[in-house]
C-alpha atoms as a PDB file:
ATOM      1  CA  MET A   1       0.157   0.089  -0.027  1.00  0.00           C
ATOM      2  CA  ARG A   2       1.331   3.488  -0.683  1.00  0.00           C
ATOM      3  CA  THR A   3       2.063   5.826   1.912  1.00  0.00           C
ATOM      4  CA  ASN A   4      -0.946   7.697   3.700  1.00  0.00           C
ATOM      5  CA  GLU A   5      -3.584   6.008   1.314  1.00  0.00           C
ATOM      6  CA  PRO A   6      -6.437   4.168   2.872  1.00  0.00           C
ATOM      7  CA  GLU A   7      -6.344   0.393   2.643  1.00  0.00           C
ATOM      8  CA  TYR A   8      -9.237   0.578   0.157  1.00  0.00           C
ATOM      9  CA  THR A   9      -6.877   1.708  -2.626  1.00  0.00           C
ATOM     10  CA  GLY A  10      -4.983  -1.578  -2.137  1.00  0.00           C
ATOM     11  CA  LEU A  11      -8.330  -3.656  -2.111  1.00  0.00           C
ATOM     12  CA  TYR A  12      -8.872  -1.785  -5.589  1.00  0.00           C
ATOM     13  CA  ARG A  13      -5.630  -2.639  -7.100  1.00  0.00           C
ATOM     14  CA  SER A  14      -5.720  -6.221  -5.950  1.00  0.00           C
ATOM     15  CA  GLY A  15      -9.418  -6.953  -7.358  1.00  0.00           C
ATOM     16  CA  GLU A  16     -10.790  -7.621  -3.835  1.00  0.00           C
ATOM     17  CA  LEU A  17     -12.720  -4.648  -3.702  1.00  0.00           C
ATOM     18  CA  GLU A  18     -14.521  -5.738  -7.124  1.00  0.00           C
ATOM     19  CA  ARG A  19     -15.191  -9.053  -5.645  1.00  0.00           C
ATOM     20  CA  ARG A  20     -16.688  -7.646  -2.421  1.00  0.00           C
ATOM     21  CA  VAL A  21     -18.999  -5.551  -4.549  1.00  0.00           C
ATOM     22  CA  GLU A  22     -20.163  -8.445  -6.379  1.00  0.00           C
ATOM     23  CA  ARG A  23     -20.692 -10.651  -3.092  1.00  0.00           C
ATOM     24  CA  LEU A  24     -22.818  -8.019  -1.417  1.00  0.00           C
ATOM     25  CA  GLU A  25     -24.814  -6.864  -4.398  1.00  0.00           C
ATOM     26  CA  ALA A  26     -25.722 -10.677  -4.627  1.00  0.00           C
ATOM     27  CA  ARG A  27     -27.119 -10.538  -1.341  1.00  0.00           C
ATOM     28  CA  LEU A  28     -29.641  -7.835  -2.360  1.00  0.00           C
ATOM     29  CA  GLY A  29     -31.544 -10.445  -4.366  1.00  0.00           C
ATOM     30  CA  GLU A  30     -32.965 -11.787  -1.085  1.00  0.00           C
ATOM     31  CA  CYS A  31     -31.676  -8.857   1.191  1.00  0.00           C
ATOM     32  CA  ASP A  32     -30.109  -9.679   4.316  1.00  0.00           C
ATOM     33  CA  ILE A  33     -27.653  -6.636   4.247  1.00  0.00           C
ATOM     34  CA  CYS A  34     -29.036  -5.590   7.672  1.00  0.00           C
ATOM     35  CA  PRO A  35     -30.139  -7.670  10.831  1.00  0.00           C
ATOM     36  CA  ARG A  36     -33.582  -7.534   9.751  1.00  0.00           C
ATOM     37  CA  GLU A  37     -32.881  -9.862   6.719  1.00  0.00           C
ATOM     38  CA  CYS A  38     -36.297  -8.950   5.220  1.00  0.00           C
ATOM     39  CA  GLY A  39     -35.570 -11.034   2.073  1.00  0.00           C
ATOM     40  CA  ALA A  40     -36.859  -8.304  -0.502  1.00  0.00           C
ATOM     41  CA  ASP A  41     -35.366  -8.495  -3.908  1.00  0.00           C
ATOM     42  CA  ARG A  42     -33.940  -5.068  -4.104  1.00  0.00           C
ATOM     43  CA  LEU A  43     -32.028  -5.992  -7.205  1.00  0.00           C
ATOM     44  CA  ARG A  44     -35.228  -5.825  -9.042  1.00  0.00           C
ATOM     45  CA  GLY A  45     -36.541  -2.774  -7.267  1.00  0.00           C
ATOM     46  CA  LYS A  46     -38.747  -4.348  -4.545  1.00  0.00           C
ATOM     47  CA  VAL A  47     -38.689  -2.135  -1.328  1.00  0.00           C
ATOM     48  CA  GLY A  48     -37.409  -3.755   1.915  1.00  0.00           C
ATOM     49  CA  SER A  49     -38.069  -3.206   5.368  1.00  0.00           C
ATOM     50  CA  CYS A  50     -35.722  -0.175   5.199  1.00  0.00           C
ATOM     51  CA  ASN A  51     -38.241   1.350   2.848  1.00  0.00           C
ATOM     52  CA  SER A  52     -35.644   1.520   0.075  1.00  0.00           C
ATOM     53  CA  ALA A  53     -35.045  -0.507  -3.267  1.00  0.00           C
ATOM     54  CA  TYR A  54     -31.805  -0.785  -5.419  1.00  0.00           C
ATOM     55  CA  LEU A  55     -30.694   2.702  -6.120  1.00  0.00           C
ATOM     56  CA  PRO A  56     -29.114   4.625  -3.039  1.00  0.00           C
ATOM     57  CA  ILE A  57     -31.066   7.556  -1.391  1.00  0.00           C
ATOM     58  CA  VAL A  58     -28.779  10.743  -0.923  1.00  0.00           C
ATOM     59  CA  SER A  59     -30.595  13.445   1.097  1.00  0.00           C
ATOM     60  CA  SER A  60     -27.912  15.730   1.689  1.00  0.00           C
ATOM     61  CA  VAL A  61     -24.169  16.382   1.219  1.00  0.00           C
ATOM     62  CA  CYS A  62     -22.157  19.153   3.075  1.00  0.00           C
ATOM     63  CA  ALA A  63     -19.163  20.143   5.040  1.00  0.00           C
ATOM     64  CA  HIS A  64     -20.265  19.182   8.567  1.00  0.00           C
ATOM     65  CA  HIS A  65     -18.534  21.350  11.122  1.00  0.00           C
ATOM     66  CA  GLY A  66     -20.444  20.072  14.211  1.00  0.00           C
ATOM     67  CA  GLU A  67     -19.003  16.362  14.332  1.00  0.00           C
ATOM     68  CA  GLU A  68     -16.493  15.375  17.037  1.00  0.00           C
ATOM     69  CA  PRO A  69     -13.322  17.869  16.729  1.00  0.00           C
ATOM     70  CA  VAL A  70     -11.226  14.836  15.222  1.00  0.00           C
ATOM     71  CA  LEU A  71     -13.584  14.539  12.442  1.00  0.00           C
ATOM     72  CA  SER A  72     -14.641  18.104  11.536  1.00  0.00           C
ATOM     73  CA  GLY A  73     -11.321  19.544  11.989  1.00  0.00           C
ATOM     74  CA  SER A  74     -10.845  23.112  10.427  1.00  0.00           C
ATOM     75  CA  ARG A  75     -12.556  22.077   6.956  1.00  0.00           C
ATOM     76  CA  GLY A  76     -15.304  20.081   8.070  1.00  0.00           C
ATOM     77  CA  SER A  77     -16.419  16.279   7.825  1.00  0.00           C
ATOM     78  CA  GLY A  78     -17.926  15.682   4.276  1.00  0.00           C
ATOM     79  CA  THR A  79     -21.083  14.188   5.457  1.00  0.00           C
ATOM     80  CA  ILE A  80     -23.244  12.179   3.000  1.00  0.00           C
ATOM     81  CA  PHE A  81     -26.823  11.719   4.527  1.00  0.00           C
ATOM     82  CA  PHE A  82     -28.628   8.792   3.425  1.00  0.00           C
ATOM     83  CA  GLY A  83     -32.537   8.725   3.059  1.00  0.00           C
ATOM     84  CA  ASN A  84     -34.696   6.022   4.968  1.00  0.00           C
ATOM     85  CA  CYS A  85     -33.322   3.757   7.916  1.00  0.00           C
ATOM     86  CA  ASN A  86     -33.535   0.229   9.209  1.00  0.00           C
ATOM     87  CA  LEU A  87     -34.727   1.743  12.648  1.00  0.00           C
ATOM     88  CA  ARG A  88     -37.954   3.537  13.289  1.00  0.00           C
ATOM     89  CA  CYS A  89     -36.626   5.462  16.428  1.00  0.00           C
ATOM     90  CA  VAL A  90     -39.853   7.351  17.614  1.00  0.00           C
ATOM     91  CA  TYR A  91     -37.567  10.444  18.909  1.00  0.00           C
ATOM     92  CA  CYS A  92     -35.585  10.462  15.762  1.00  0.00           C
ATOM     93  CA  GLN A  93     -34.071  13.974  15.090  1.00  0.00           C
ATOM     94  CA  ASN A  94     -33.466  13.284  11.280  1.00  0.00           C
ATOM     95  CA  HIS A  95     -36.970  12.279  10.797  1.00  0.00           C
ATOM     96  CA  GLN A  96     -37.539  14.288   7.672  1.00  0.00           C
ATOM     97  CA  ILE A  97     -35.007  12.172   5.740  1.00  0.00           C
ATOM     98  CA  SER A  98     -35.133   8.811   7.867  1.00  0.00           C
ATOM     99  CA  GLN A  99     -38.874   8.187   8.068  1.00  0.00           C
ATOM    100  CA  ASP A 100     -40.406   9.829   5.110  1.00  0.00           C
ATOM    101  CA  PRO A 101     -39.845   7.247   2.425  1.00  0.00           C
ATOM    102  CA  GLU A 102     -42.287   8.784  -0.104  1.00  0.00           C
ATOM    103  CA  THR A 103     -40.521  12.169  -0.097  1.00  0.00           C
ATOM    104  CA  GLN A 104     -36.976  10.258  -0.116  1.00  0.00           C
ATOM    105  CA  GLN A 105     -37.784   8.429  -3.440  1.00  0.00           C
ATOM    106  CA  HIS A 106     -37.001  11.897  -5.315  1.00  0.00           C
ATOM    107  CA  TYR A 107     -33.418  11.644  -3.904  1.00  0.00           C
ATOM    108  CA  GLU A 108     -32.504   8.284  -5.538  1.00  0.00           C
ATOM    109  CA  VAL A 109     -29.137   8.461  -7.383  1.00  0.00           C
ATOM    110  CA  GLY A 110     -26.930   5.936  -9.298  1.00  0.00           C
ATOM    111  CA  THR A 111     -23.680   4.805  -7.732  1.00  0.00           C
ATOM    112  CA  ARG A 112     -21.573   6.965 -10.488  1.00  0.00           C
ATOM    113  CA  VAL A 113     -23.304  10.177  -8.709  1.00  0.00           C
ATOM    114  CA  LEU A 114     -22.664   9.091  -5.415  1.00  0.00           C
ATOM    115  CA  ALA A 115     -19.057   8.400  -6.256  1.00  0.00           C
ATOM    116  CA  GLU A 116     -19.022  12.048  -7.739  1.00  0.00           C
ATOM    117  CA  ARG A 117     -20.306  13.373  -4.516  1.00  0.00           C
ATOM    118  CA  MET A 118     -17.694  11.696  -2.811  1.00  0.00           C
ATOM    119  CA  LEU A 119     -15.152  13.455  -5.096  1.00  0.00           C
ATOM    120  CA  TYR A 120     -16.696  16.765  -4.592  1.00  0.00           C
ATOM    121  CA  LEU A 121     -16.299  16.617  -0.755  1.00  0.00           C
ATOM    122  CA  GLN A 122     -12.842  15.713  -1.119  1.00  0.00           C
ATOM    123  CA  ASP A 123     -11.544  17.982  -4.323  1.00  0.00           C
ATOM    124  CA  GLY A 124     -14.341  20.702  -3.869  1.00  0.00           C
ATOM    125  CA  LEU A 125     -14.917  21.242  -0.351  1.00  0.00           C
ATOM    126  CA  LYS A 126     -11.514  19.903   0.935  1.00  0.00           C
ATOM    127  CA  CYS A 127     -12.924  18.036   3.829  1.00  0.00           C
ATOM    128  CA  HIS A 128     -10.949  15.588   5.966  1.00  0.00           C
ATOM    129  CA  ASN A 129     -12.996  12.586   5.353  1.00  0.00           C
ATOM    130  CA  ILE A 130     -16.028  11.239   3.744  1.00  0.00           C
ATOM    131  CA  ASN A 131     -18.694  10.661   6.458  1.00  0.00           C
ATOM    132  CA  LEU A 132     -21.309   8.045   5.482  1.00  0.00           C
ATOM    133  CA  VAL A 133     -24.545   8.793   7.697  1.00  0.00           C
ATOM    134  CA  THR A 134     -27.092   6.024   8.190  1.00  0.00           C
ATOM    135  CA  PRO A 135     -25.201   3.709   5.507  1.00  0.00           C
ATOM    136  CA  SER A 136     -26.352   0.267   7.169  1.00  0.00           C
ATOM    137  CA  HIS A 137     -29.047  -0.433   4.182  1.00  0.00           C
ATOM    138  CA  PHE A 138     -26.842   1.038   1.491  1.00  0.00           C
ATOM    139  CA  VAL A 139     -23.651  -0.926   2.141  1.00  0.00           C
ATOM    140  CA  PRO A 140     -23.454  -2.689  -1.220  1.00  0.00           C
ATOM    141  CA  GLN A 141     -24.227   0.575  -3.128  1.00  0.00           C
ATOM    142  CA  ILE A 142     -21.770   2.332  -1.196  1.00  0.00           C
ATOM    143  CA  VAL A 143     -18.827   0.032  -1.652  1.00  0.00           C
ATOM    144  CA  ARG A 144     -19.552   0.045  -5.373  1.00  0.00           C
ATOM    145  CA  ALA A 145     -19.388   3.789  -5.464  1.00  0.00           C
ATOM    146  CA  VAL A 146     -16.143   3.562  -3.961  1.00  0.00           C
ATOM    147  CA  LEU A 147     -15.054   1.189  -6.516  1.00  0.00           C
ATOM    148  CA  GLU A 148     -15.878   3.759  -9.046  1.00  0.00           C
ATOM    149  CA  ALA A 149     -14.365   6.640  -7.197  1.00  0.00           C
ATOM    150  CA  VAL A 150     -10.930   5.039  -6.545  1.00  0.00           C
ATOM    151  CA  PRO A 151      -9.790   5.568 -10.075  1.00  0.00           C
ATOM    152  CA  MET A 152     -11.086   9.160 -10.090  1.00  0.00           C
ATOM    153  CA  GLY A 153      -8.888   9.962  -7.298  1.00  0.00           C
ATOM    154  CA  LEU A 154     -10.695   9.183  -4.035  1.00  0.00           C
ATOM    155  CA  ARG A 155      -7.985   9.024  -1.317  1.00  0.00           C
ATOM    156  CA  LEU A 156      -9.907  10.270   1.936  1.00  0.00           C
ATOM    157  CA  PRO A 157     -10.486   7.987   5.030  1.00  0.00           C
ATOM    158  CA  LEU A 158     -14.335   6.683   4.974  1.00  0.00           C
ATOM    159  CA  VAL A 159     -16.275   7.186   8.186  1.00  0.00           C
ATOM    160  CA  TYR A 160     -19.195   4.799   8.780  1.00  0.00           C
ATOM    161  CA  ASN A 161     -21.526   6.831  10.984  1.00  0.00           C
ATOM    162  CA  THR A 162     -24.296   4.154  12.019  1.00  0.00           C
ATOM    163  CA  SER A 163     -26.755   3.333  14.532  1.00  0.00           C
ATOM    164  CA  SER A 164     -24.864   0.099  15.128  1.00  0.00           C
ATOM    165  CA  TYR A 165     -27.792  -2.180  14.024  1.00  0.00           C
ATOM    166  CA  ASP A 166     -25.502  -3.883  11.776  1.00  0.00           C
ATOM    167  CA  SER A 167     -24.889  -7.374  10.060  1.00  0.00           C
ATOM    168  CA  ILE A 168     -21.961  -9.205  11.164  1.00  0.00           C
ATOM    169  CA  GLU A 169     -21.679 -10.603   7.749  1.00  0.00           C
ATOM    170  CA  THR A 170     -21.979  -7.070   6.009  1.00  0.00           C
ATOM    171  CA  LEU A 171     -19.501  -5.463   8.373  1.00  0.00           C
ATOM    172  CA  ARG A 172     -16.770  -8.076   7.563  1.00  0.00           C
ATOM    173  CA  GLU A 173     -17.013  -7.132   3.904  1.00  0.00           C
ATOM    174  CA  LEU A 174     -16.251  -3.600   5.216  1.00  0.00           C
ATOM    175  CA  ASP A 175     -12.850  -4.757   6.706  1.00  0.00           C
ATOM    176  CA  GLY A 176     -10.077  -2.426   5.218  1.00  0.00           C
ATOM    177  CA  ILE A 177     -12.622  -0.335   3.252  1.00  0.00           C
ATOM    178  CA  ILE A 178     -13.677   1.817   6.417  1.00  0.00           C
ATOM    179  CA  SER A 179     -11.138   3.616   8.340  1.00  0.00           C
ATOM    180  CA  ILE A 180     -13.215   4.981  11.174  1.00  0.00           C
ATOM    181  CA  TYR A 181     -16.331   3.788  12.894  1.00  0.00           C
ATOM    182  CA  LEU A 182     -18.585   6.267  14.253  1.00  0.00           C
ATOM    183  CA  ALA A 183     -21.146   3.935  16.041  1.00  0.00           C
ATOM    184  CA  ASP A 184     -24.138   4.603  18.328  1.00  0.00           C
ATOM    185  CA  LEU A 185     -24.781   2.762  21.440  1.00  0.00           C
ATOM    186  CA  ARG A 186     -28.400   3.639  22.258  1.00  0.00           C
ATOM    187  CA  TYR A 187     -29.751   0.942  24.613  1.00  0.00           C
ATOM    188  CA  ALA A 188     -28.535  -1.538  27.019  1.00  0.00           C
ATOM    189  CA  SER A 189     -31.745  -3.274  26.819  1.00  0.00           C
ATOM    190  CA  ASN A 190     -33.566  -5.289  23.924  1.00  0.00           C
ATOM    191  CA  GLU A 191     -36.890  -4.434  25.241  1.00  0.00           C
ATOM    192  CA  MET A 192     -36.082  -0.459  25.042  1.00  0.00           C
ATOM    193  CA  GLY A 193     -34.876  -0.984  21.416  1.00  0.00           C
ATOM    194  CA  ARG A 194     -38.176  -2.706  20.715  1.00  0.00           C
ATOM    195  CA  LYS A 195     -40.125  -0.107  22.274  1.00  0.00           C
ATOM    196  CA  TYR A 196     -38.614   3.149  21.114  1.00  0.00           C
ATOM    197  CA  SER A 197     -36.796   1.910  17.920  1.00  0.00           C
ATOM    198  CA  ARG A 198     -39.223  -0.947  16.544  1.00  0.00           C
ATOM    199  CA  VAL A 199     -36.393  -3.350  16.212  1.00  0.00           C
ATOM    200  CA  ARG A 200     -35.752  -6.664  17.945  1.00  0.00           C
ATOM    201  CA  HIS A 201     -32.463  -7.423  19.765  1.00  0.00           C
ATOM    202  CA  TYR A 202     -31.093  -3.960  19.249  1.00  0.00           C
ATOM    203  CA  ALA A 203     -28.472  -4.459  22.337  1.00  0.00           C
ATOM    204  CA  ASP A 204     -27.497  -7.889  21.459  1.00  0.00           C
ATOM    205  CA  SER A 205     -27.013  -6.881  17.930  1.00  0.00           C
ATOM    206  CA  SER A 206     -25.313  -3.509  18.467  1.00  0.00           C
ATOM    207  CA  ARG A 207     -22.950  -4.915  20.969  1.00  0.00           C
ATOM    208  CA  ALA A 208     -21.869  -7.806  18.441  1.00  0.00           C
ATOM    209  CA  ALA A 209     -21.223  -5.068  15.782  1.00  0.00           C
ATOM    210  CA  ILE A 210     -19.250  -2.881  17.886  1.00  0.00           C
ATOM    211  CA  LYS A 211     -17.144  -5.859  18.813  1.00  0.00           C
ATOM    212  CA  GLU A 212     -16.588  -6.471  14.803  1.00  0.00           C
ATOM    213  CA  MET A 213     -15.850  -2.699  14.286  1.00  0.00           C
ATOM    214  CA  TYR A 214     -13.343  -2.632  17.114  1.00  0.00           C
ATOM    215  CA  ARG A 215     -11.700  -5.842  15.659  1.00  0.00           C
ATOM    216  CA  GLN A 216     -10.925  -4.229  12.616  1.00  0.00           C
ATOM    217  CA  VAL A 217      -9.969  -0.671  13.442  1.00  0.00           C
ATOM    218  CA  GLY A 218      -9.025  -0.730  17.166  1.00  0.00           C
ATOM    219  CA  ASN A 219      -8.824   2.506  19.351  1.00  0.00           C
ATOM    220  CA  LEU A 220      -8.904   5.896  17.704  1.00  0.00           C
ATOM    221  CA  GLU A 221      -5.615   7.088  15.961  1.00  0.00           C
ATOM    222  CA  VAL A 222      -4.993  10.630  14.894  1.00  0.00           C
ATOM    223  CA  ASP A 223      -2.548  12.366  12.815  1.00  0.00           C
ATOM    224  CA  ASP A 224      -0.234  15.284  13.504  1.00  0.00           C
ATOM    225  CA  GLU A 225      -3.126  17.789  13.096  1.00  0.00           C
ATOM    226  CA  GLY A 226      -5.312  15.818  15.547  1.00  0.00           C
ATOM    227  CA  ILE A 227      -7.544  14.692  12.705  1.00  0.00           C
ATOM    228  CA  ALA A 228      -8.754  11.062  12.989  1.00  0.00           C
ATOM    229  CA  ARG A 229      -7.019   8.439  10.630  1.00  0.00           C
ATOM    230  CA  LYS A 230      -8.368   5.463  12.018  1.00  0.00           C
ATOM    231  CA  GLY A 231     -10.262   3.955  14.816  1.00  0.00           C
ATOM    232  CA  LEU A 232     -13.463   3.403  16.615  1.00  0.00           C
ATOM    233  CA  ILE A 233     -15.558   6.118  18.251  1.00  0.00           C
ATOM    234  CA  ILE A 234     -18.674   5.347  20.278  1.00  0.00           C
ATOM    235  CA  ARG A 235     -21.645   7.871  20.687  1.00  0.00           C
ATOM    236  CA  HIS A 236     -23.810   7.613  23.639  1.00  0.00           C
ATOM    237  CA  LEU A 237     -26.976   9.641  23.728  1.00  0.00           C
ATOM    238  CA  ILE A 238     -28.421  10.367  27.188  1.00  0.00           C
ATOM    239  CA  LEU A 239     -32.006   9.731  27.347  1.00  0.00           C
ATOM    240  CA  PRO A 240     -34.437  10.820  29.847  1.00  0.00           C
ATOM    241  CA  ASN A 241     -35.283   8.678  32.778  1.00  0.00           C
ATOM    242  CA  GLY A 242     -32.456   6.210  32.148  1.00  0.00           C
ATOM    243  CA  ILE A 243     -33.844   4.850  29.170  1.00  0.00           C
ATOM    244  CA  ALA A 244     -30.463   4.496  27.342  1.00  0.00           C
ATOM    245  CA  GLY A 245     -29.060   2.340  30.260  1.00  0.00           C
ATOM    246  CA  SER A 246     -25.878   4.438  30.575  1.00  0.00           C
ATOM    247  CA  GLU A 247     -24.360   2.561  33.245  1.00  0.00           C
ATOM    248  CA  ASP A 248     -24.894  -0.600  31.582  1.00  0.00           C
ATOM    249  CA  SER A 249     -23.546   0.470  28.258  1.00  0.00           C
ATOM    250  CA  LEU A 250     -20.597   2.410  29.437  1.00  0.00           C
ATOM    251  CA  SER A 251     -19.564  -0.380  31.731  1.00  0.00           C
ATOM    252  CA  TRP A 252     -19.770  -2.868  28.973  1.00  0.00           C
ATOM    253  CA  LEU A 253     -17.447  -0.687  26.662  1.00  0.00           C
ATOM    254  CA  VAL A 254     -14.793  -0.392  29.461  1.00  0.00           C
ATOM    255  CA  ASN A 255     -14.967  -4.351  30.153  1.00  0.00           C
ATOM    256  CA  GLU A 256     -15.601  -5.742  26.734  1.00  0.00           C
ATOM    257  CA  ILE A 257     -14.059  -3.286  24.261  1.00  0.00           C
ATOM    258  CA  SER A 258     -11.342  -1.122  25.944  1.00  0.00           C
ATOM    259  CA  PRO A 259     -11.004   1.367  28.347  1.00  0.00           C
ATOM    260  CA  ALA A 260      -9.361   3.651  26.134  1.00  0.00           C
ATOM    261  CA  VAL A 261     -12.018   3.530  23.347  1.00  0.00           C
ATOM    262  CA  ALA A 262     -13.071   7.060  22.371  1.00  0.00           C
ATOM    263  CA  VAL A 263     -16.620   8.045  23.528  1.00  0.00           C
ATOM    264  CA  SER A 264     -18.599  10.923  22.632  1.00  0.00           C
ATOM    265  CA  ILE A 265     -21.458  11.337  25.455  1.00  0.00           C
ATOM    266  CA  MET A 266     -24.262  13.697  23.971  1.00  0.00           C
ATOM    267  CA  SER A 267     -26.611  15.643  25.746  1.00  0.00           C
ATOM    268  CA  GLN A 268     -28.459  16.906  22.897  1.00  0.00           C
ATOM    269  CA  TYR A 269     -31.649  14.822  23.167  1.00  0.00           C
ATOM    270  CA  HIS A 270     -34.826  16.676  22.205  1.00  0.00           C
ATOM    271  CA  PRO A 271     -38.063  15.308  22.106  1.00  0.00           C
ATOM    272  CA  ALA A 272     -38.569  14.991  18.143  1.00  0.00           C
ATOM    273  CA  HIS A 273     -40.921  13.323  15.810  1.00  0.00           C
ATOM    274  CA  HIS A 274     -43.199  11.007  17.719  1.00  0.00           C
ATOM    275  CA  ALA A 275     -41.642  11.664  21.435  1.00  0.00           C
ATOM    276  CA  TYR A 276     -44.570  13.567  22.373  1.00  0.00           C
ATOM    277  CA  ARG A 277     -46.492  10.270  22.441  1.00  0.00           C
ATOM    278  CA  TYR A 278     -44.357   8.826  25.262  1.00  0.00           C
ATOM    279  CA  ARG A 279     -44.482  10.684  28.556  1.00  0.00           C
ATOM    280  CA  GLU A 280     -41.212   9.282  29.518  1.00  0.00           C
ATOM    281  CA  LEU A 281     -39.583  10.695  26.518  1.00  0.00           C
ATOM    282  CA  ASN A 282     -41.384  13.975  26.256  1.00  0.00           C
ATOM    283  CA  ARG A 283     -38.787  16.388  27.799  1.00  0.00           C
ATOM    284  CA  ARG A 284     -35.047  17.068  27.645  1.00  0.00           C
ATOM    285  CA  ILE A 285     -32.793  15.534  29.821  1.00  0.00           C
ATOM    286  CA  LEU A 286     -32.491  17.013  33.389  1.00  0.00           C
ATOM    287  CA  PRO A 287     -28.980  18.620  34.612  1.00  0.00           C
ATOM    288  CA  GLU A 288     -28.739  15.783  37.135  1.00  0.00           C
ATOM    289  CA  GLU A 289     -29.185  13.026  34.571  1.00  0.00           C
ATOM    290  CA  TYR A 290     -26.362  14.666  32.541  1.00  0.00           C
ATOM    291  CA  ASP A 291     -24.257  14.994  35.794  1.00  0.00           C
ATOM    292  CA  SER A 292     -24.725  11.420  36.681  1.00  0.00           C
ATOM    293  CA  VAL A 293     -23.649  10.087  33.264  1.00  0.00           C
ATOM    294  CA  VAL A 294     -20.460  12.421  33.191  1.00  0.00           C
ATOM    295  CA  ARG A 295     -19.652  11.305  36.646  1.00  0.00           C
ATOM    296  CA  LEU A 296     -20.130   7.908  35.676  1.00  0.00           C
ATOM    297  CA  ALA A 297     -17.677   8.080  32.764  1.00  0.00           C
ATOM    298  CA  GLU A 298     -15.145   9.578  34.880  1.00  0.00           C
ATOM    299  CA  ARG A 299     -15.314   6.778  37.642  1.00  0.00           C
ATOM    300  CA  LEU A 300     -15.000   4.296  34.784  1.00  0.00           C
ATOM    301  CA  GLY A 301     -11.840   5.774  33.901  1.00  0.00           C
ATOM    302  CA  MET A 302     -12.925   6.758  30.349  1.00  0.00           C
ATOM    303  CA  GLU A 303     -10.523   9.493  29.510  1.00  0.00           C
ATOM    304  CA  ASN A 304     -10.689   9.539  25.686  1.00  0.00           C
ATOM    305  CA  GLY A 305     -13.454  11.368  24.016  1.00  0.00           C
ATOM    306  CA  TRP A 306     -15.799  14.052  24.580  1.00  0.00           C
ATOM    307  CA  VAL A 307     -18.787  15.411  26.583  1.00  0.00           C
ATOM    308  CA  GLN A 308     -21.295  17.622  24.852  1.00  0.00           C
ATOM    309  CA  GLY A 309     -22.401  20.640  26.921  1.00  0.00           C
ATOM    310  CA  MET A 310     -25.924  21.266  28.007  1.00  0.00           C
ATOM    311  CA  SER A 311     -26.488  23.885  25.312  1.00  0.00           C
ATOM    312  CA  SER A 312     -29.802  24.964  23.690  1.00  0.00           C
ATOM    313  CA  PRO A 313     -31.324  21.802  21.789  1.00  0.00           C
ATOM    314  CA  ALA A 314     -31.974  24.079  18.693  1.00  0.00           C
ATOM    315  CA  ASN A 315     -28.258  24.167  18.004  1.00  0.00           C
ATOM    316  CA  TYR A 316     -28.514  20.482  17.427  1.00  0.00           C
ATOM    317  CA  LEU A 317     -31.517  19.985  15.419  1.00  0.00           C
ATOM    318  CA  PRO A 318     -31.263  19.642  11.588  1.00  0.00           C
ATOM    319  CA  ASP A 319     -33.325  21.069   8.989  1.00  0.00           C
ATOM    320  CA  PHE A 320     -33.009  19.169   5.783  1.00  0.00           C
ATOM    321  CA  SER A 321     -35.032  21.404   3.677  1.00  0.00           C
ATOM    322  CA  VAL A 322     -31.951  23.401   3.363  1.00  0.00           C
ATOM    323  CA  ASP A 323     -28.522  23.127   1.884  1.00  0.00           C
ATOM    324  CA  GLU A 324     -26.720  23.355   5.421  1.00  0.00           C
ATOM    325  CA  PRO A 325     -28.840  21.457   7.780  1.00  0.00           C
ATOM    326  CA  PHE A 326     -26.765  21.745  10.830  1.00  0.00           C
ATOM    327  CA  SER A 327     -25.419  24.610  12.667  1.00  0.00           C
ATOM    328  CA  ALA A 328     -21.884  24.414  14.324  1.00  0.00           C
ATOM    329  CA  LYS A 329     -21.874  22.431  17.601  1.00  0.00           C
ATOM    330  CA  ARG A 330     -19.118  22.385  20.368  1.00  0.00           C
ATOM    331  CA  ARG A 331     -17.924  19.547  22.628  1.00  0.00           C
ATOM    332  CA  ARG A 332     -15.371  19.699  25.395  1.00  0.00           C
ATOM    333  CA  ARG A 333     -12.746  17.170  25.953  1.00  0.00           C
ATOM    334  CA  VAL A 334     -13.297  14.511  28.794  1.00  0.00           C
ATOM    335  CA  ARG A 335      -9.766  15.399  29.853  1.00  0.00           C
END
């Protein structure tokens, strides 16, 4: 592999990247790309449980300056927001694009266009990385776009920005393609996942997925400018009334993944979308709930990562009807 090039360039030259595309696309015929394993023939345009057929849906492309500092840096993280989702989170802040499939059909693009969007973020906007947001249901299409983009000059690290409801078999095909996994750990309980995200076995599936991600990329590595080059970052959103199971989840990370894993503790919960239907979710988190999780992270010795301040939730709510859906966000270092 050439110096400073992502591993996927070597996979391209060896022919392995093309072989992975072929294996992934074949699985779309009876789709098992995500843990729902719905069996839809997405190759022939049938819609799967993710509300998507074959063509990838690109809802927004922008330089995002509000991600974790190691991703946004000075030039922004080159975000590609994919439409639809394999979860149905009742409080989803991105519900405009994740849970409105009829509207999202208008944003279908070919893989060549997706490849060109990657190059635009790299060469036009000079972003530090390509940040693939909600990618789980479009992995075959993303990998094909990378296959098309490499001979066009793509060289940036790829960030897999996921809910962690991912298939282990699918993640294994991403080994050496993805440099940075930015993975949610939403619940410690399968029951909470079923009730609030309409999915079975979220806790079990996400923990298995995070173990596979960590196997591939390990702890976070940054370059001389403090920009992420490789590694795992875990996002944990504090939810009201202990619904996220923060103590269980963070303890699991320390004991089963690594005490040095980079963790981004997020306070930005806002009762968006259908959260108003659930009394236990229909409010922001309280200062004492926030302080409890911050103290927990300190007690567990989690020194790598960030803690999001208790600022106005309006600063974190996207509006995907405009070109720049996010305003700038700030996080402070844990230590």
